[in-house]
Amino acid sequence: MKKSNILKLTLAGMLCAVAVVGSLFSFPVFGSKCAPIQHVINILCAVLLGPWYGVGVAFAASLIRNLTGLGTLLAFPGSMIGALLCGIAYKATKNIPLTLVAEVFGTGVLGGLCAYPVAVLLMGKDASQLAFYVYIVPFLVSTAGGAVIAAVIVYSLKKTGALKSIQGSLSGDKE
């Protein structure tokens, strides 16, 4: 196995652990537990590892959170769609603001919409009392907070030159 692949897997595992532990710092908004650290991790995965690692980390973190009672089934659609969209946005453009917006849109809007069938079909919520768009607001609150935190981290890494160094190490480039 190439050294860069081992580094990527190690970083993905560490980011997954941070996402799970970070879910201890959540707050309720309507029927959803909002954990902004997951969105920070989605953006860091997008910038450092790419979209598929991001989706894998989001899935693993959501699974662990559910198995340990720290999350709900709603963690899956929000985190995974957001991770995929921001990962694709960064991979295609290398544009950090667009990556942040893609995370907010992917999690807040698309993830919020996809949470509705999960709530109705898998969590037993009554469809007649649950508006189709009810999860958009809590998901937007959570992801917007996470995007702001991620922006501070990513721009700090970029300003110091650490971002380019980390990306070079993960891609296997010589420094």
N, C-alpha and C. Protein backbone atom coordinates (compact mmCIF):
# COMPACT_ATOMS: atom_id res chain seq x y z
N MET A 1 0.85 -1.18 0.00
CA MET A 1 0.00 0.00 0.00
C MET A 1 0.90 1.24 0.00
N LYS A 2 0.56 2.21 -0.83
CA LYS A 2 1.35 3.42 -0.90
C LYS A 2 1.26 4.22 0.39
N LYS A 3 2.34 4.92 0.68
CA LYS A 3 2.39 5.72 1.91
C LYS A 3 1.27 6.76 1.93
N SER A 4 0.95 7.36 0.78
CA SER A 4 -0.10 8.38 0.75
C SER A 4 -1.47 7.78 1.08
N ASN A 5 -1.72 6.53 0.67
CA ASN A 5 -2.98 5.88 1.00
C ASN A 5 -3.10 5.61 2.50
N ILE A 6 -1.99 5.21 3.11
CA ILE A 6 -1.98 4.98 4.55
C ILE A 6 -2.23 6.29 5.29
N LEU A 7 -1.61 7.37 4.83
CA LEU A 7 -1.83 8.68 5.44
C LEU A 7 -3.29 9.11 5.31
N LYS A 8 -3.87 8.89 4.13
CA LYS A 8 -5.28 9.27 3.92
C LYS A 8 -6.21 8.47 4.83
N LEU A 9 -5.99 7.17 4.92
CA LEU A 9 -6.82 6.33 5.80
C LEU A 9 -6.67 6.74 7.26
N THR A 10 -5.44 7.05 7.66
CA THR A 10 -5.19 7.47 9.04
C THR A 10 -5.91 8.79 9.33
N LEU A 11 -5.77 9.74 8.42
CA LEU A 11 -6.43 11.03 8.61
C LEU A 11 -7.95 10.86 8.61
N ALA A 12 -8.47 10.02 7.71
CA ALA A 12 -9.92 9.77 7.67
C ALA A 12 -10.39 9.18 9.00
N GLY A 13 -9.65 8.26 9.54
CA GLY A 13 -10.01 7.67 10.84
C GLY A 13 -9.99 8.70 11.96
N MET A 14 -8.98 9.55 11.94
CA MET A 14 -8.90 10.60 12.97
C MET A 14 -10.05 11.59 12.83
N LEU A 15 -10.37 11.98 11.59
CA LEU A 15 -11.48 12.91 11.38
C LEU A 15 -12.81 12.29 11.77
N CYS A 16 -12.96 11.00 11.53
CA CYS A 16 -14.17 10.29 11.95
C CYS A 16 -14.29 10.33 13.47
N ALA A 17 -13.19 10.08 14.16
CA ALA A 17 -13.20 10.11 15.62
C ALA A 17 -13.55 11.51 16.13
N VAL A 18 -13.01 12.54 15.51
CA VAL A 18 -13.32 13.91 15.92
C VAL A 18 -14.81 14.20 15.70
N ALA A 19 -15.36 13.71 14.58
CA ALA A 19 -16.79 13.92 14.31
C ALA A 19 -17.65 13.24 15.36
N VAL A 20 -17.28 12.04 15.77
CA VAL A 20 -18.07 11.32 16.78
C VAL A 20 -17.97 12.03 18.13
N VAL A 21 -16.76 12.35 18.55
CA VAL A 21 -16.59 13.04 19.82
C VAL A 21 -17.23 14.44 19.76
N GLY A 22 -17.10 15.09 18.61
CA GLY A 22 -17.70 16.41 18.43
C GLY A 22 -19.21 16.40 18.52
N SER A 23 -19.82 15.24 18.29
CA SER A 23 -21.28 15.17 18.37
C SER A 23 -21.76 15.28 19.81
N LEU A 24 -20.86 15.16 20.78
CA LEU A 24 -21.23 15.42 22.17
C LEU A 24 -21.60 16.89 22.36
N PHE A 25 -21.10 17.73 21.48
CA PHE A 25 -21.41 19.16 21.50
C PHE A 25 -22.50 19.44 20.48
N SER A 26 -23.69 19.02 20.80
CA SER A 26 -24.82 19.22 19.90
C SER A 26 -25.91 19.99 20.64
N PHE A 27 -26.81 20.52 19.86
CA PHE A 27 -27.93 21.25 20.45
C PHE A 27 -29.19 20.91 19.66
N PRO A 28 -30.31 20.84 20.35
CA PRO A 28 -31.55 20.49 19.66
C PRO A 28 -32.15 21.69 18.93
N VAL A 29 -32.58 21.47 17.71
CA VAL A 29 -33.35 22.46 16.96
C VAL A 29 -34.53 21.69 16.38
N PHE A 30 -35.72 21.98 16.89
CA PHE A 30 -36.93 21.24 16.56
C PHE A 30 -36.68 19.75 16.85
N GLY A 31 -36.84 18.85 15.91
CA GLY A 31 -36.69 17.43 16.19
C GLY A 31 -35.32 16.87 15.87
N SER A 32 -34.36 17.73 15.62
CA SER A 32 -33.06 17.29 15.16
C SER A 32 -31.97 17.66 16.15
N LYS A 33 -30.96 16.79 16.28
CA LYS A 33 -29.77 17.13 17.05
C LYS A 33 -28.77 17.77 16.09
N CYS A 34 -28.44 19.01 16.32
CA CYS A 34 -27.52 19.71 15.43
C CYS A 34 -26.10 19.59 15.98
N ALA A 35 -25.22 19.02 15.17
CA ALA A 35 -23.83 18.81 15.56
C ALA A 35 -22.93 19.48 14.52
N PRO A 36 -22.56 20.75 14.73
CA PRO A 36 -21.81 21.47 13.71
C PRO A 36 -20.41 20.90 13.42
N ILE A 37 -19.87 20.13 14.34
CA ILE A 37 -18.52 19.58 14.11
C ILE A 37 -18.52 18.63 12.92
N GLN A 38 -19.61 17.91 12.70
CA GLN A 38 -19.69 17.02 11.53
C GLN A 38 -19.50 17.80 10.25
N HIS A 39 -20.01 19.01 10.19
CA HIS A 39 -19.90 19.82 8.98
C HIS A 39 -18.49 20.37 8.81
N VAL A 40 -17.84 20.65 9.92
CA VAL A 40 -16.42 21.03 9.87
C VAL A 40 -15.63 19.87 9.26
N ILE A 41 -15.90 18.68 9.73
CA ILE A 41 -15.20 17.49 9.25
C ILE A 41 -15.49 17.25 7.77
N ASN A 42 -16.74 17.43 7.35
CA ASN A 42 -17.07 17.28 5.93
C ASN A 42 -16.22 18.19 5.06
N ILE A 43 -16.07 19.44 5.48
CA ILE A 43 -15.31 20.41 4.69
C ILE A 43 -13.82 20.08 4.73
N LEU A 44 -13.31 19.69 5.89
CA LEU A 44 -11.90 19.30 5.97
C LEU A 44 -11.62 18.08 5.09
N CYS A 45 -12.54 17.12 5.10
CA CYS A 45 -12.38 15.95 4.22
C CYS A 45 -12.38 16.37 2.76
N ALA A 46 -13.27 17.28 2.39
CA ALA A 46 -13.34 17.75 1.01
C ALA A 46 -12.02 18.37 0.57
N VAL A 47 -11.46 19.20 1.42
CA VAL A 47 -10.24 19.94 1.09
C VAL A 47 -9.00 19.05 1.16
N LEU A 48 -8.98 18.11 2.08
CA LEU A 48 -7.78 17.30 2.29
C LEU A 48 -7.82 15.93 1.63
N LEU A 49 -9.00 15.31 1.56
CA LEU A 49 -9.06 13.91 1.15
C LEU A 49 -9.88 13.64 -0.12
N GLY A 50 -10.85 14.47 -0.40
CA GLY A 50 -11.68 14.26 -1.58
C GLY A 50 -13.07 13.80 -1.22
N PRO A 51 -13.95 13.77 -2.22
CA PRO A 51 -15.36 13.49 -1.95
C PRO A 51 -15.65 12.09 -1.42
N TRP A 52 -14.97 11.08 -1.92
CA TRP A 52 -15.32 9.71 -1.51
C TRP A 52 -14.86 9.42 -0.10
N TYR A 53 -13.71 9.92 0.29
CA TYR A 53 -13.30 9.79 1.69
C TYR A 53 -14.27 10.56 2.58
N GLY A 54 -14.71 11.73 2.12
CA GLY A 54 -15.66 12.52 2.89
C GLY A 54 -16.96 11.79 3.14
N VAL A 55 -17.48 11.15 2.09
CA VAL A 55 -18.72 10.38 2.25
C VAL A 55 -18.48 9.20 3.20
N GLY A 56 -17.34 8.54 3.06
CA GLY A 56 -17.02 7.41 3.94
C GLY A 56 -16.90 7.83 5.40
N VAL A 57 -16.24 8.95 5.64
CA VAL A 57 -16.11 9.46 7.01
C VAL A 57 -17.48 9.85 7.55
N ALA A 58 -18.29 10.52 6.74
CA ALA A 58 -19.64 10.92 7.18
C ALA A 58 -20.49 9.69 7.51
N PHE A 59 -20.42 8.66 6.67
CA PHE A 59 -21.18 7.43 6.93
C PHE A 59 -20.69 6.76 8.22
N ALA A 60 -19.38 6.60 8.35
CA ALA A 60 -18.83 5.92 9.53
C ALA A 60 -19.16 6.69 10.80
N ALA A 61 -19.03 8.01 10.76
CA ALA A 61 -19.33 8.82 11.95
C ALA A 61 -20.82 8.73 12.29
N SER A 62 -21.68 8.77 11.29
CA SER A 62 -23.12 8.66 11.53
C SER A 62 -23.46 7.29 12.11
N LEU A 63 -22.85 6.25 11.58
CA LEU A 63 -23.10 4.90 12.08
C LEU A 63 -22.66 4.77 13.55
N ILE A 64 -21.47 5.23 13.84
CA ILE A 64 -20.96 5.14 15.22
C ILE A 64 -21.82 5.98 16.16
N ARG A 65 -22.20 7.18 15.72
CA ARG A 65 -23.07 8.03 16.54
C ARG A 65 -24.39 7.33 16.83
N ASN A 66 -24.96 6.66 15.83
CA ASN A 66 -26.23 5.95 16.04
C ASN A 66 -26.05 4.74 16.96
N LEU A 67 -24.98 4.00 16.77
CA LEU A 67 -24.74 2.81 17.59
C LEU A 67 -24.46 3.16 19.05
N THR A 68 -23.92 4.34 19.30
CA THR A 68 -23.60 4.75 20.66
C THR A 68 -24.69 5.65 21.27
N GLY A 69 -25.75 5.91 20.53
CA GLY A 69 -26.85 6.73 21.04
C GLY A 69 -26.59 8.22 21.00
N LEU A 70 -25.58 8.64 20.26
CA LEU A 70 -25.24 10.06 20.17
C LEU A 70 -25.92 10.77 19.01
N GLY A 71 -26.59 10.03 18.16
CA GLY A 71 -27.21 10.64 16.99
C GLY A 71 -28.51 9.94 16.63
N THR A 72 -29.12 10.43 15.57
CA THR A 72 -30.34 9.82 15.06
C THR A 72 -30.09 9.38 13.62
N LEU A 73 -31.06 8.68 13.06
CA LEU A 73 -30.95 8.25 11.66
C LEU A 73 -30.87 9.44 10.71
N LEU A 74 -31.28 10.61 11.17
CA LEU A 74 -31.22 11.80 10.33
C LEU A 74 -29.78 12.24 10.05
N ALA A 75 -28.84 11.70 10.81
CA ALA A 75 -27.43 12.05 10.57
C ALA A 75 -26.95 11.54 9.21
N PHE A 76 -27.50 10.46 8.75
CA PHE A 76 -27.03 9.87 7.49
C PHE A 76 -27.28 10.75 6.27
N PRO A 77 -28.52 11.14 5.98
CA PRO A 77 -28.72 11.92 4.75
C PRO A 77 -28.03 13.27 4.79
N GLY A 78 -28.11 13.96 5.93
CA GLY A 78 -27.52 15.29 6.00
C GLY A 78 -26.01 15.28 5.82
N SER A 79 -25.34 14.47 6.61
CA SER A 79 -23.88 14.49 6.56
C SER A 79 -23.32 13.93 5.26
N MET A 80 -23.93 12.87 4.75
CA MET A 80 -23.37 12.23 3.56
C MET A 80 -23.59 13.06 2.29
N ILE A 81 -24.76 13.66 2.15
CA ILE A 81 -25.02 14.48 0.97
C ILE A 81 -24.16 15.73 1.01
N GLY A 82 -24.05 16.34 2.19
CA GLY A 82 -23.19 17.52 2.33
C GLY A 82 -21.73 17.19 2.02
N ALA A 83 -21.25 16.07 2.52
CA ALA A 83 -19.86 15.66 2.27
C ALA A 83 -19.62 15.44 0.78
N LEU A 84 -20.56 14.79 0.12
CA LEU A 84 -20.41 14.52 -1.31
C LEU A 84 -20.38 15.82 -2.11
N LEU A 85 -21.33 16.70 -1.85
CA LEU A 85 -21.40 17.94 -2.63
C LEU A 85 -20.19 18.84 -2.40
N CYS A 86 -19.79 19.01 -1.17
CA CYS A 86 -18.64 19.90 -0.94
C CYS A 86 -17.36 19.24 -1.45
N GLY A 87 -17.27 17.92 -1.38
CA GLY A 87 -16.09 17.24 -1.92
C GLY A 87 -15.98 17.39 -3.43
N ILE A 88 -17.11 17.25 -4.11
CA ILE A 88 -17.12 17.43 -5.56
C ILE A 88 -16.82 18.87 -5.93
N ALA A 89 -17.40 19.81 -5.19
CA ALA A 89 -17.16 21.24 -5.46
C ALA A 89 -15.68 21.58 -5.32
N TYR A 90 -15.05 21.09 -4.25
CA TYR A 90 -13.63 21.41 -4.06
C TYR A 90 -12.76 20.71 -5.09
N LYS A 91 -13.06 19.46 -5.38
CA LYS A 91 -12.27 18.71 -6.35
C LYS A 91 -12.33 19.37 -7.73
N ALA A 92 -13.51 19.86 -8.10
CA ALA A 92 -13.69 20.46 -9.43
C ALA A 92 -13.12 21.87 -9.54
N THR A 93 -13.17 22.64 -8.44
CA THR A 93 -12.83 24.06 -8.56
C THR A 93 -11.68 24.54 -7.68
N LYS A 94 -11.39 23.83 -6.62
CA LYS A 94 -10.41 24.27 -5.60
C LYS A 94 -10.82 25.60 -4.98
N ASN A 95 -12.09 25.94 -5.06
CA ASN A 95 -12.63 27.19 -4.56
C ASN A 95 -13.22 26.95 -3.16
N ILE A 96 -12.60 27.54 -2.15
CA ILE A 96 -13.03 27.30 -0.77
C ILE A 96 -14.42 27.87 -0.49
N PRO A 97 -14.72 29.13 -0.88
CA PRO A 97 -16.07 29.63 -0.62
C PRO A 97 -17.16 28.77 -1.28
N LEU A 98 -16.92 28.31 -2.49
CA LEU A 98 -17.89 27.44 -3.16
C LEU A 98 -18.04 26.12 -2.41
N THR A 99 -16.95 25.62 -1.87
CA THR A 99 -16.98 24.38 -1.09
C THR A 99 -17.84 24.56 0.16
N LEU A 100 -17.70 25.70 0.82
CA LEU A 100 -18.51 25.99 2.00
C LEU A 100 -19.99 26.07 1.65
N VAL A 101 -20.29 26.76 0.55
CA VAL A 101 -21.68 26.88 0.10
C VAL A 101 -22.24 25.51 -0.28
N ALA A 102 -21.44 24.68 -0.93
CA ALA A 102 -21.88 23.34 -1.32
C ALA A 102 -22.21 22.49 -0.09
N GLU A 103 -21.44 22.63 0.96
CA GLU A 103 -21.73 21.91 2.21
C GLU A 103 -23.05 22.38 2.80
N VAL A 104 -23.24 23.69 2.85
CA VAL A 104 -24.47 24.24 3.43
C VAL A 104 -25.68 23.83 2.59
N PHE A 105 -25.58 23.92 1.28
CA PHE A 105 -26.69 23.53 0.40
C PHE A 105 -26.93 22.03 0.46
N GLY A 106 -25.86 21.24 0.39
CA GLY A 106 -25.99 19.79 0.40
C GLY A 106 -26.61 19.27 1.67
N THR A 107 -26.13 19.76 2.80
CA THR A 107 -26.67 19.30 4.08
C THR A 107 -27.98 19.98 4.41
N GLY A 108 -27.98 21.32 4.32
CA GLY A 108 -29.13 22.08 4.76
C GLY A 108 -30.37 21.87 3.92
N VAL A 109 -30.22 21.93 2.61
CA VAL A 109 -31.39 21.83 1.74
C VAL A 109 -31.64 20.39 1.29
N LEU A 110 -30.67 19.81 0.57
CA LEU A 110 -30.87 18.45 0.06
C LEU A 110 -30.96 17.42 1.18
N GLY A 111 -30.05 17.52 2.16
CA GLY A 111 -30.09 16.60 3.30
C GLY A 111 -31.36 16.78 4.11
N GLY A 112 -31.80 18.03 4.27
CA GLY A 112 -33.05 18.30 4.98
C GLY A 112 -34.25 17.70 4.28
N LEU A 113 -34.27 17.78 2.96
CA LEU A 113 -35.36 17.17 2.19
C LEU A 113 -35.32 15.65 2.26
N CYS A 114 -34.13 15.09 2.20
CA CYS A 114 -33.99 13.63 2.25
C CYS A 114 -34.25 13.07 3.65
N ALA A 115 -34.19 13.92 4.66
CA ALA A 115 -34.47 13.47 6.02
C ALA A 115 -35.95 13.15 6.21
N TYR A 116 -36.80 13.77 5.42
CA TYR A 116 -38.25 13.55 5.56
C TYR A 116 -38.62 12.08 5.35
N PRO A 117 -38.23 11.45 4.23
CA PRO A 117 -38.59 10.03 4.09
C PRO A 117 -37.92 9.14 5.14
N VAL A 118 -36.73 9.51 5.59
CA VAL A 118 -36.07 8.73 6.65
C VAL A 118 -36.90 8.81 7.92
N ALA A 119 -37.37 10.01 8.25
CA ALA A 119 -38.17 10.18 9.47
C ALA A 119 -39.50 9.43 9.38
N VAL A 120 -40.12 9.48 8.22
CA VAL A 120 -41.43 8.85 8.06
C VAL A 120 -41.31 7.33 7.97
N LEU A 121 -40.40 6.85 7.12
CA LEU A 121 -40.31 5.42 6.85
C LEU A 121 -39.53 4.64 7.91
N LEU A 122 -38.47 5.23 8.44
CA LEU A 122 -37.60 4.49 9.34
C LEU A 122 -37.74 4.86 10.81
N MET A 123 -38.24 6.07 11.08
CA MET A 123 -38.33 6.51 12.46
C MET A 123 -39.77 6.56 12.97
N GLY A 124 -40.73 6.23 12.09
CA GLY A 124 -42.12 6.16 12.51
C GLY A 124 -42.79 7.49 12.76
N LYS A 125 -42.27 8.57 12.20
CA LYS A 125 -42.91 9.88 12.37
C LYS A 125 -44.20 9.90 11.55
N ASP A 126 -45.18 10.60 12.05
CA ASP A 126 -46.47 10.70 11.37
C ASP A 126 -46.37 11.69 10.22
N ALA A 127 -46.53 11.22 9.00
CA ALA A 127 -46.38 12.05 7.81
C ALA A 127 -47.39 13.20 7.77
N SER A 128 -48.56 13.00 8.34
CA SER A 128 -49.58 14.05 8.29
C SER A 128 -49.24 15.22 9.22
N GLN A 129 -48.38 14.98 10.19
CA GLN A 129 -48.01 16.04 11.13
C GLN A 129 -46.60 16.56 10.88
N LEU A 130 -45.97 16.09 9.82
CA LEU A 130 -44.58 16.45 9.55
C LEU A 130 -44.49 17.10 8.18
N ALA A 131 -44.16 18.37 8.15
CA ALA A 131 -44.03 19.07 6.87
C ALA A 131 -42.82 18.53 6.11
N PHE A 132 -42.94 18.52 4.80
CA PHE A 132 -41.88 17.97 3.94
C PHE A 132 -40.55 18.69 4.15
N TYR A 133 -40.60 19.95 4.46
CA TYR A 133 -39.38 20.77 4.58
C TYR A 133 -38.96 21.01 6.04
N VAL A 134 -39.54 20.30 6.99
CA VAL A 134 -39.34 20.59 8.40
C VAL A 134 -37.88 20.47 8.85
N TYR A 135 -37.08 19.65 8.22
CA TYR A 135 -35.70 19.45 8.66
C TYR A 135 -34.73 20.44 8.02
N ILE A 136 -35.18 21.22 7.08
CA ILE A 136 -34.27 22.15 6.41
C ILE A 136 -33.72 23.19 7.38
N VAL A 137 -34.58 23.80 8.19
CA VAL A 137 -34.13 24.85 9.10
C VAL A 137 -33.10 24.33 10.11
N PRO A 138 -33.37 23.23 10.83
CA PRO A 138 -32.34 22.77 11.77
C PRO A 138 -31.06 22.33 11.08
N PHE A 139 -31.17 21.72 9.92
CA PHE A 139 -29.96 21.31 9.21
C PHE A 139 -29.18 22.53 8.75
N LEU A 140 -29.88 23.59 8.30
CA LEU A 140 -29.19 24.82 7.88
C LEU A 140 -28.48 25.48 9.05
N VAL A 141 -29.13 25.51 10.20
CA VAL A 141 -28.51 26.11 11.39
C VAL A 141 -27.21 25.38 11.73
N SER A 142 -27.27 24.07 11.75
CA SER A 142 -26.11 23.26 12.10
C SER A 142 -24.99 23.41 11.08
N THR A 143 -25.32 23.30 9.80
CA THR A 143 -24.28 23.32 8.77
C THR A 143 -23.68 24.71 8.59
N ALA A 144 -24.48 25.76 8.78
CA ALA A 144 -23.93 27.11 8.65
C ALA A 144 -22.91 27.37 9.76
N GLY A 145 -23.22 26.94 10.97
CA GLY A 145 -22.26 27.08 12.07
C GLY A 145 -20.99 26.31 11.80
N GLY A 146 -21.14 25.08 11.33
CA GLY A 146 -19.97 24.26 11.01
C GLY A 146 -19.15 24.85 9.87
N ALA A 147 -19.82 25.43 8.88
CA ALA A 147 -19.10 26.02 7.75
C ALA A 147 -18.28 27.23 8.19
N VAL A 148 -18.81 28.01 9.11
CA VAL A 148 -18.05 29.16 9.62
C VAL A 148 -16.79 28.69 10.36
N ILE A 149 -16.95 27.69 11.22
CA ILE A 149 -15.80 27.14 11.94
C ILE A 149 -14.78 26.57 10.96
N ALA A 150 -15.25 25.82 9.97
CA ALA A 150 -14.35 25.23 8.96
C ALA A 150 -13.63 26.31 8.17
N ALA A 151 -14.33 27.38 7.83
CA ALA A 151 -13.70 28.47 7.08
C ALA A 151 -12.53 29.05 7.86
N VAL A 152 -12.71 29.25 9.16
CA VAL A 152 -11.63 29.78 10.00
C VAL A 152 -10.44 28.82 9.98
N ILE A 153 -10.71 27.53 10.11
CA ILE A 153 -9.63 26.53 10.12
C ILE A 153 -8.92 26.46 8.77
N VAL A 154 -9.69 26.33 7.69
CA VAL A 154 -9.10 26.16 6.36
C VAL A 154 -8.31 27.41 5.95
N TYR A 155 -8.87 28.59 6.18
CA TYR A 155 -8.15 29.81 5.81
C TYR A 155 -6.92 30.03 6.67
N SER A 156 -6.96 29.60 7.93
CA SER A 156 -5.77 29.67 8.78
C SER A 156 -4.69 28.73 8.26
N LEU A 157 -5.07 27.52 7.90
CA LEU A 157 -4.11 26.57 7.33
C LEU A 157 -3.53 27.10 6.01
N LYS A 158 -4.38 27.71 5.21
CA LYS A 158 -3.94 28.24 3.92
C LYS A 158 -2.97 29.40 4.12
N LYS A 159 -3.28 30.29 5.05
CA LYS A 159 -2.44 31.46 5.29
C LYS A 159 -1.05 31.08 5.77
N THR A 160 -0.95 30.03 6.57
CA THR A 160 0.35 29.61 7.10
C THR A 160 1.12 28.71 6.13
N GLY A 161 0.48 28.28 5.06
CA GLY A 161 1.11 27.37 4.11
C GLY A 161 0.97 25.91 4.49
N ALA A 162 0.34 25.65 5.62
CA ALA A 162 0.17 24.27 6.08
C ALA A 162 -0.79 23.49 5.19
N LEU A 163 -1.79 24.17 4.63
CA LEU A 163 -2.76 23.48 3.79
C LEU A 163 -2.08 22.86 2.58
N LYS A 164 -1.26 23.61 1.90
CA LYS A 164 -0.56 23.10 0.72
C LYS A 164 0.38 21.96 1.10
N SER A 165 1.03 22.08 2.23
CA SER A 165 1.94 21.04 2.71
C SER A 165 1.20 19.74 3.01
N ILE A 166 0.08 19.87 3.70
CA ILE A 166 -0.72 18.66 4.05
C ILE A 166 -1.26 18.03 2.78
N GLN A 167 -1.79 18.83 1.87
CA GLN A 167 -2.32 18.30 0.62
C GLN A 167 -1.21 17.61 -0.18
N GLY A 168 -0.01 18.18 -0.18
CA GLY A 168 1.11 17.56 -0.88
C GLY A 168 1.49 16.22 -0.27
N SER A 169 1.51 16.14 1.05
CA SER A 169 1.82 14.89 1.75
C SER A 169 0.78 13.81 1.45
N LEU A 170 -0.47 14.21 1.40
CA LEU A 170 -1.53 13.23 1.16
C LEU A 170 -1.59 12.75 -0.29
N SER A 171 -1.12 13.59 -1.19
CA SER A 171 -1.15 13.19 -2.61
C SER A 171 0.11 12.42 -3.01
N GLY A 172 1.09 12.37 -2.11
CA GLY A 172 2.31 11.64 -2.41
C GLY A 172 3.36 12.48 -3.11
N ASP A 173 3.11 13.80 -3.25
CA ASP A 173 4.08 14.68 -3.89
C ASP A 173 5.27 14.90 -2.96
N LYS A 174 6.42 15.07 -3.56
CA LYS A 174 7.61 15.41 -2.79
C LYS A 174 7.54 16.89 -2.44
N GLU A 175 7.96 17.22 -1.21
CA GLU A 175 7.91 18.62 -0.80
C GLU A 175 9.20 19.31 -1.11
